[in-house]
Structure formats: structure tokens, C-alpha cells
Amino acid sequence: MPATCHRVFLAFAWLVWAGAGMVPAWGLAQDEPRPVSAAAGAFIAKGVAHVLAGCSEPWPPKRCPQGRRLKASPLQTLPDSNGGPPFTFQTIEYAGMTMTYRAGEVVELTVSSPAWPVLQNLRVGAPFSRVSAVLGEPMALQDGATAAEQVALYCRNEDCATFVIDRRAGRVKSITWSFYYD
């Protein structure tokens, strides 16, 4: 990806996190974030496929081993701002999991229940000390949406895995994978 696109993405990410009160230190200090471990990179790249293993086809799935689809937004067809063909966009909810599906790809997936399988058994409810022992130190550790939460961010290029941690218990409350799309 050209450096200009990367900087635009970082600027956008900074605005999103700043709006939520979570400005990553690397976003202010330098153009490029510090790299994450190979284990964290694999977790980002393969995590969604692991969570969705066993779900029915065609995509997006109507049923997964952990439960059926509870709610889906209307399927939208939107114009491509880059002049490409229109694409579809939909958000789908299951018990303890929400995913956003864009142009045939999962672009965001959040797990908020331990029922969903996660790579390295880093499920919701796992101690964050185990997460950092397996994945290494996060590239950013920030305040969460409430005083009771902390957010750990692992990114490789523009793709990220974000852990929301219960400060008091020191355990994972949710995990979100988000993927850059053009």
C-alpha cells in the first residue's frame, strides 16, 4: 500500500479512536506503528476463520454451531467511492457475536461470549495476562469506553484485533477483528 494511503488510514483511525477517547500513543508519536509479534499477526489473520468454523454456507451464515442468526440489517447496495462497481453491506448478529459483511467479505467481527471459539483459546473471559503472554505486548493499551474498561490493540498493517479488558477482573470482555477495505 502506498505510504500516502497508509497515513490517511492512520489519520482516520486516530480520529475514530480520539472520538472514543482512545488515542493510541503511536498515532501521535510516529507515522508507523510498532510491529506486533508473529503470533499476534497470525491471530489477526486467522482469527475470524477460526471463530466462524462450522458455520453454515452460503455466506453470510444463517446458523453457526454456537447459535442461529438473531438479527440482520437490511442488505444494502452502496456505490463504490473509488469508481468501482456497487457493493453490498450488511451487519448480522448472533448470541455473543456480531459481524459486518461487505462485498462478500467479513470486515469486522466482535465476539462478546465465551461460547465462540478463539485461536489459542484466548476466549472472552480469559485473563489478559494470558493474551499478552501468547500474543506479546499490544501496540497500544488505552482507556476504554468506561472507567472499568481498558483496550489493547494489536494491528498488522491496517488489520487489527482489539481486546476490551475488564480492569477489575483483568479478563477479556470482548474481541473485535477489523479489516481494512478500499
C-alpha atoms as a PDB file:
ATOM      1  CA  MET A   1       0.000   0.000   0.000  1.00  0.00           C
ATOM      2  CA  PRO A   2       1.402   3.446  -0.830  1.00  0.00           C
ATOM      3  CA  ALA A   3       2.631   5.453   2.169  1.00  0.00           C
ATOM      4  CA  THR A   4       0.034   8.160   1.493  1.00  0.00           C
ATOM      5  CA  CYS A   5      -2.855   5.670   1.825  1.00  0.00           C
ATOM      6  CA  HIS A   6      -1.306   4.287   4.999  1.00  0.00           C
ATOM      7  CA  ARG A   7      -1.062   7.792   6.500  1.00  0.00           C
ATOM      8  CA  VAL A   8      -4.667   8.529   5.504  1.00  0.00           C
ATOM      9  CA  PHE A   9      -5.760   5.310   7.213  1.00  0.00           C
ATOM     10  CA  LEU A  10      -3.751   6.177  10.340  1.00  0.00           C
ATOM     11  CA  ALA A  11      -5.300   9.650  10.404  1.00  0.00           C
ATOM     12  CA  PHE A  12      -8.788   8.127  10.091  1.00  0.00           C
ATOM     13  CA  ALA A  13      -8.020   5.543  12.803  1.00  0.00           C
ATOM     14  CA  TRP A  14      -6.746   8.318  15.048  1.00  0.00           C
ATOM     15  CA  LEU A  15      -9.974  10.282  14.587  1.00  0.00           C
ATOM     16  CA  VAL A  16     -12.101   7.222  15.372  1.00  0.00           C
ATOM     17  CA  TRP A  17     -10.113   6.369  18.495  1.00  0.00           C
ATOM     18  CA  ALA A  18      -9.908  10.024  19.554  1.00  0.00           C
ATOM     19  CA  GLY A  19     -13.684  10.272  19.260  1.00  0.00           C
ATOM     20  CA  ALA A  20     -13.998   7.290  21.581  1.00  0.00           C
ATOM     21  CA  GLY A  21     -11.395   8.711  23.978  1.00  0.00           C
ATOM     22  CA  MET A  22      -8.825   6.099  22.964  1.00  0.00           C
ATOM     23  CA  VAL A  23      -5.943   7.884  21.237  1.00  0.00           C
ATOM     24  CA  PRO A  24      -3.146   5.372  20.700  1.00  0.00           C
ATOM     25  CA  ALA A  25       0.251   6.742  21.693  1.00  0.00           C
ATOM     26  CA  TRP A  26       1.815   5.606  18.405  1.00  0.00           C
ATOM     27  CA  GLY A  27      -0.780   7.620  16.453  1.00  0.00           C
ATOM     28  CA  LEU A  28       0.630  10.835  17.849  1.00  0.00           C
ATOM     29  CA  ALA A  29       4.303   9.934  18.055  1.00  0.00           C
ATOM     30  CA  GLN A  30       5.159   8.489  14.646  1.00  0.00           C
ATOM     31  CA  ASP A  31       3.864   7.634  11.178  1.00  0.00           C
ATOM     32  CA  GLU A  32       4.197   3.869  11.513  1.00  0.00           C
ATOM     33  CA  PRO A  33       3.022   1.770  14.486  1.00  0.00           C
ATOM     34  CA  ARG A  34       5.474  -0.545  16.162  1.00  0.00           C
ATOM     35  CA  PRO A  35       5.214  -4.095  14.840  1.00  0.00           C
ATOM     36  CA  VAL A  36       3.372  -6.840  16.669  1.00  0.00           C
ATOM     37  CA  SER A  37       4.627 -10.377  17.213  1.00  0.00           C
ATOM     38  CA  ALA A  38       4.265 -13.147  14.638  1.00  0.00           C
ATOM     39  CA  ALA A  39       1.745 -14.789  16.984  1.00  0.00           C
ATOM     40  CA  ALA A  40      -0.342 -11.601  17.049  1.00  0.00           C
ATOM     41  CA  GLY A  41      -0.108 -11.339  13.252  1.00  0.00           C
ATOM     42  CA  ALA A  42      -1.402 -14.907  12.888  1.00  0.00           C
ATOM     43  CA  PHE A  43      -4.175 -14.180  15.407  1.00  0.00           C
ATOM     44  CA  ILE A  44      -5.268 -11.169  13.333  1.00  0.00           C
ATOM     45  CA  ALA A  45      -5.067 -13.032  10.008  1.00  0.00           C
ATOM     46  CA  LYS A  46      -6.676 -16.339  11.052  1.00  0.00           C
ATOM     47  CA  GLY A  47      -8.896 -15.350  13.977  1.00  0.00           C
ATOM     48  CA  VAL A  48     -12.150 -14.735  12.109  1.00  0.00           C
ATOM     49  CA  ALA A  49     -11.950 -18.028  10.183  1.00  0.00           C
ATOM     50  CA  HIS A  50     -11.458 -19.864  13.476  1.00  0.00           C
ATOM     51  CA  VAL A  51     -14.463 -18.155  15.109  1.00  0.00           C
ATOM     52  CA  LEU A  52     -16.666 -18.918  12.100  1.00  0.00           C
ATOM     53  CA  ALA A  53     -15.526 -22.531  11.582  1.00  0.00           C
ATOM     54  CA  GLY A  54     -18.540 -24.793  11.270  1.00  0.00           C
ATOM     55  CA  CYS A  55     -20.978 -22.038  10.308  1.00  0.00           C
ATOM     56  CA  SER A  56     -23.407 -22.841   7.501  1.00  0.00           C
ATOM     57  CA  GLU A  57     -22.961 -21.743   3.923  1.00  0.00           C
ATOM     58  CA  PRO A  58     -23.755 -19.748   1.828  1.00  0.00           C
ATOM     59  CA  TRP A  59     -22.302 -16.632   3.417  1.00  0.00           C
ATOM     60  CA  PRO A  60     -23.294 -14.823   5.457  1.00  0.00           C
ATOM     61  CA  PRO A  61     -24.264 -17.860   7.537  1.00  0.00           C
ATOM     62  CA  LYS A  62     -27.780 -18.340   8.873  1.00  0.00           C
ATOM     63  CA  ARG A  63     -26.561 -20.754  11.541  1.00  0.00           C
ATOM     64  CA  CYS A  64     -23.340 -21.394  13.438  1.00  0.00           C
ATOM     65  CA  PRO A  65     -22.580 -24.143  15.980  1.00  0.00           C
ATOM     66  CA  GLN A  66     -22.977 -21.516  18.736  1.00  0.00           C
ATOM     67  CA  GLY A  67     -26.451 -20.475  17.557  1.00  0.00           C
ATOM     68  CA  ARG A  68     -28.637 -19.156  14.784  1.00  0.00           C
ATOM     69  CA  ARG A  69     -28.742 -15.684  13.320  1.00  0.00           C
ATOM     70  CA  LEU A  70     -30.725 -13.406  15.646  1.00  0.00           C
ATOM     71  CA  LYS A  71     -30.903 -10.259  13.559  1.00  0.00           C
ATOM     72  CA  ALA A  72     -29.598  -8.915  10.277  1.00  0.00           C
ATOM     73  CA  SER A  73     -29.692  -5.400   8.948  1.00  0.00           C
ATOM     74  CA  PRO A  74     -31.274  -4.999   5.518  1.00  0.00           C
ATOM     75  CA  LEU A  75     -28.813  -5.873   2.759  1.00  0.00           C
ATOM     76  CA  GLN A  76     -27.679  -2.557   1.304  1.00  0.00           C
ATOM     77  CA  THR A  77     -26.147  -1.967  -2.105  1.00  0.00           C
ATOM     78  CA  LEU A  78     -23.885   1.054  -1.997  1.00  0.00           C
ATOM     79  CA  PRO A  79     -21.854   2.883  -4.656  1.00  0.00           C
ATOM     80  CA  ASP A  80     -18.071   2.491  -4.545  1.00  0.00           C
ATOM     81  CA  SER A  81     -16.434   5.874  -3.850  1.00  0.00           C
ATOM     82  CA  ASN A  82     -13.402   4.781  -5.914  1.00  0.00           C
ATOM     83  CA  GLY A  83     -15.477   4.414  -9.076  1.00  0.00           C
ATOM     84  CA  GLY A  84     -15.737   0.623  -8.903  1.00  0.00           C
ATOM     85  CA  PRO A  85     -18.928  -1.409  -9.082  1.00  0.00           C
ATOM     86  CA  PRO A  86     -21.504  -1.101  -6.274  1.00  0.00           C
ATOM     87  CA  PHE A  87     -21.017  -3.386  -3.278  1.00  0.00           C
ATOM     88  CA  THR A  88     -23.265  -4.970  -0.643  1.00  0.00           C
ATOM     89  CA  PHE A  89     -23.089  -4.244   3.072  1.00  0.00           C
ATOM     90  CA  GLN A  90     -24.823  -5.968   5.997  1.00  0.00           C
ATOM     91  CA  THR A  91     -24.467  -6.353   9.782  1.00  0.00           C
ATOM     92  CA  ILE A  92     -25.502  -9.692  11.278  1.00  0.00           C
ATOM     93  CA  GLU A  93     -25.990 -10.551  14.957  1.00  0.00           C
ATOM     94  CA  TYR A  94     -25.808 -13.886  16.737  1.00  0.00           C
ATOM     95  CA  ALA A  95     -25.860 -14.509  20.503  1.00  0.00           C
ATOM     96  CA  GLY A  96     -22.469 -13.168  21.621  1.00  0.00           C
ATOM     97  CA  MET A  97     -21.168 -12.315  18.135  1.00  0.00           C
ATOM     98  CA  THR A  98     -21.734  -9.559  15.573  1.00  0.00           C
ATOM     99  CA  MET A  99     -20.182  -9.328  12.122  1.00  0.00           C
ATOM    100  CA  THR A 100     -20.190  -6.799   9.331  1.00  0.00           C
ATOM    101  CA  TYR A 101     -20.137  -8.250   5.868  1.00  0.00           C
ATOM    102  CA  ARG A 102     -19.057  -6.042   2.942  1.00  0.00           C
ATOM    103  CA  ALA A 103     -18.791  -7.076  -0.700  1.00  0.00           C
ATOM    104  CA  GLY A 104     -18.622 -10.772   0.189  1.00  0.00           C
ATOM    105  CA  GLU A 105     -16.004 -10.365   2.951  1.00  0.00           C
ATOM    106  CA  VAL A 106     -16.133 -10.099   6.738  1.00  0.00           C
ATOM    107  CA  VAL A 107     -14.710  -6.647   7.512  1.00  0.00           C
ATOM    108  CA  GLU A 108     -15.459  -6.633  11.247  1.00  0.00           C
ATOM    109  CA  LEU A 109     -16.330  -9.311  13.760  1.00  0.00           C
ATOM    110  CA  THR A 110     -16.885  -8.886  17.510  1.00  0.00           C
ATOM    111  CA  VAL A 111     -17.111 -11.771  19.963  1.00  0.00           C
ATOM    112  CA  SER A 112     -18.604 -10.989  23.394  1.00  0.00           C
ATOM    113  CA  SER A 113     -19.340 -14.508  24.672  1.00  0.00           C
ATOM    114  CA  PRO A 114     -17.015 -17.360  25.680  1.00  0.00           C
ATOM    115  CA  ALA A 115     -19.187 -19.726  23.598  1.00  0.00           C
ATOM    116  CA  TRP A 116     -17.357 -18.698  20.420  1.00  0.00           C
ATOM    117  CA  PRO A 117     -14.053 -20.467  19.710  1.00  0.00           C
ATOM    118  CA  VAL A 118     -10.992 -18.230  19.509  1.00  0.00           C
ATOM    119  CA  LEU A 119      -7.460 -19.120  18.389  1.00  0.00           C
ATOM    120  CA  GLN A 120      -5.041 -20.106  21.166  1.00  0.00           C
ATOM    121  CA  ASN A 121      -8.116 -20.394  23.444  1.00  0.00           C
ATOM    122  CA  LEU A 122      -7.952 -16.621  24.049  1.00  0.00           C
ATOM    123  CA  ARG A 123     -11.720 -16.512  24.544  1.00  0.00           C
ATOM    124  CA  VAL A 124     -13.879 -13.912  26.207  1.00  0.00           C
ATOM    125  CA  GLY A 125     -13.267 -14.359  29.935  1.00  0.00           C
ATOM    126  CA  ALA A 126      -9.601 -15.324  29.525  1.00  0.00           C
ATOM    127  CA  PRO A 127      -7.123 -13.431  31.714  1.00  0.00           C
ATOM    128  CA  PHE A 128      -5.482 -10.629  29.748  1.00  0.00           C
ATOM    129  CA  SER A 129      -2.146 -11.755  31.184  1.00  0.00           C
ATOM    130  CA  ARG A 130      -2.581 -14.925  29.103  1.00  0.00           C
ATOM    131  CA  VAL A 131      -3.363 -12.861  25.985  1.00  0.00           C
ATOM    132  CA  SER A 132      -0.165 -10.835  26.364  1.00  0.00           C
ATOM    133  CA  ALA A 133       1.843 -13.980  27.173  1.00  0.00           C
ATOM    134  CA  VAL A 134       0.649 -15.590  23.907  1.00  0.00           C
ATOM    135  CA  LEU A 135       0.488 -12.556  21.587  1.00  0.00           C
ATOM    136  CA  GLY A 136       3.130 -10.308  23.154  1.00  0.00           C
ATOM    137  CA  GLU A 137       2.655  -6.755  24.297  1.00  0.00           C
ATOM    138  CA  PRO A 138      -0.070  -4.813  22.470  1.00  0.00           C
ATOM    139  CA  MET A 139       0.926  -1.903  20.273  1.00  0.00           C
ATOM    140  CA  ALA A 140      -1.360   0.320  22.362  1.00  0.00           C
ATOM    141  CA  LEU A 141      -3.045  -0.056  25.737  1.00  0.00           C
ATOM    142  CA  GLN A 142      -5.620   2.672  26.327  1.00  0.00           C
ATOM    143  CA  ASP A 143      -8.589   3.635  28.455  1.00  0.00           C
ATOM    144  CA  GLY A 144     -11.842   2.062  27.327  1.00  0.00           C
ATOM    145  CA  ALA A 145     -15.324   3.480  26.834  1.00  0.00           C
ATOM    146  CA  THR A 146     -15.880   3.348  30.615  1.00  0.00           C
ATOM    147  CA  ALA A 147     -13.528   3.698  33.583  1.00  0.00           C
ATOM    148  CA  ALA A 148     -13.969  -0.035  34.189  1.00  0.00           C
ATOM    149  CA  GLU A 149     -12.503  -0.946  30.760  1.00  0.00           C
ATOM    150  CA  GLN A 150      -9.131  -0.926  29.108  1.00  0.00           C
ATOM    151  CA  VAL A 151      -8.462  -1.537  25.390  1.00  0.00           C
ATOM    152  CA  ALA A 152      -5.485  -3.475  23.995  1.00  0.00           C
ATOM    153  CA  LEU A 153      -4.792  -3.011  20.299  1.00  0.00           C
ATOM    154  CA  TYR A 154      -2.843  -5.391  18.061  1.00  0.00           C
ATOM    155  CA  CYS A 155      -2.527  -4.335  14.396  1.00  0.00           C
ATOM    156  CA  ARG A 156      -0.694  -5.667  11.385  1.00  0.00           C
ATOM    157  CA  ASN A 157      -0.774  -3.194   8.529  1.00  0.00           C
ATOM    158  CA  GLU A 158      -4.359  -1.892   8.663  1.00  0.00           C
ATOM    159  CA  ASP A 159      -5.937  -5.068  10.076  1.00  0.00           C
ATOM    160  CA  CYS A 160      -6.482  -5.173  13.839  1.00  0.00           C
ATOM    161  CA  ALA A 161      -7.561  -7.317  16.767  1.00  0.00           C
ATOM    162  CA  THR A 162      -8.826  -5.256  19.699  1.00  0.00           C
ATOM    163  CA  PHE A 163      -9.356  -6.666  23.178  1.00  0.00           C
ATOM    164  CA  VAL A 164     -11.637  -4.894  25.653  1.00  0.00           C
ATOM    165  CA  ILE A 165     -10.496  -5.804  29.163  1.00  0.00           C
ATOM    166  CA  ASP A 166     -12.372  -5.571  32.453  1.00  0.00           C
ATOM    167  CA  ARG A 167      -9.889  -3.591  34.591  1.00  0.00           C
ATOM    168  CA  ARG A 168     -11.049  -5.008  37.922  1.00  0.00           C
ATOM    169  CA  ALA A 169     -11.075  -8.678  36.875  1.00  0.00           C
ATOM    170  CA  GLY A 170      -8.199  -8.389  34.372  1.00  0.00           C
ATOM    171  CA  ARG A 171     -10.190 -10.501  31.918  1.00  0.00           C
ATOM    172  CA  VAL A 172     -11.202 -10.141  28.281  1.00  0.00           C
ATOM    173  CA  LYS A 173     -14.742  -8.732  27.818  1.00  0.00           C
ATOM    174  CA  SER A 174     -14.782  -8.762  24.015  1.00  0.00           C
ATOM    175  CA  ILE A 175     -12.551  -9.209  20.981  1.00  0.00           C
ATOM    176  CA  THR A 176     -13.013  -7.335  17.698  1.00  0.00           C
ATOM    177  CA  TRP A 177     -11.252  -8.098  14.429  1.00  0.00           C
ATOM    178  CA  SER A 178     -11.401  -5.273  11.909  1.00  0.00           C
ATOM    179  CA  PHE A 179     -10.024  -5.320   8.379  1.00  0.00           C
ATOM    180  CA  TYR A 180      -9.086  -2.515   6.047  1.00  0.00           C
ATOM    181  CA  TYR A 181     -11.028  -2.342   2.812  1.00  0.00           C
ATOM    182  CA  ASP A 182     -10.652   0.023  -0.083  1.00  0.00           C
END
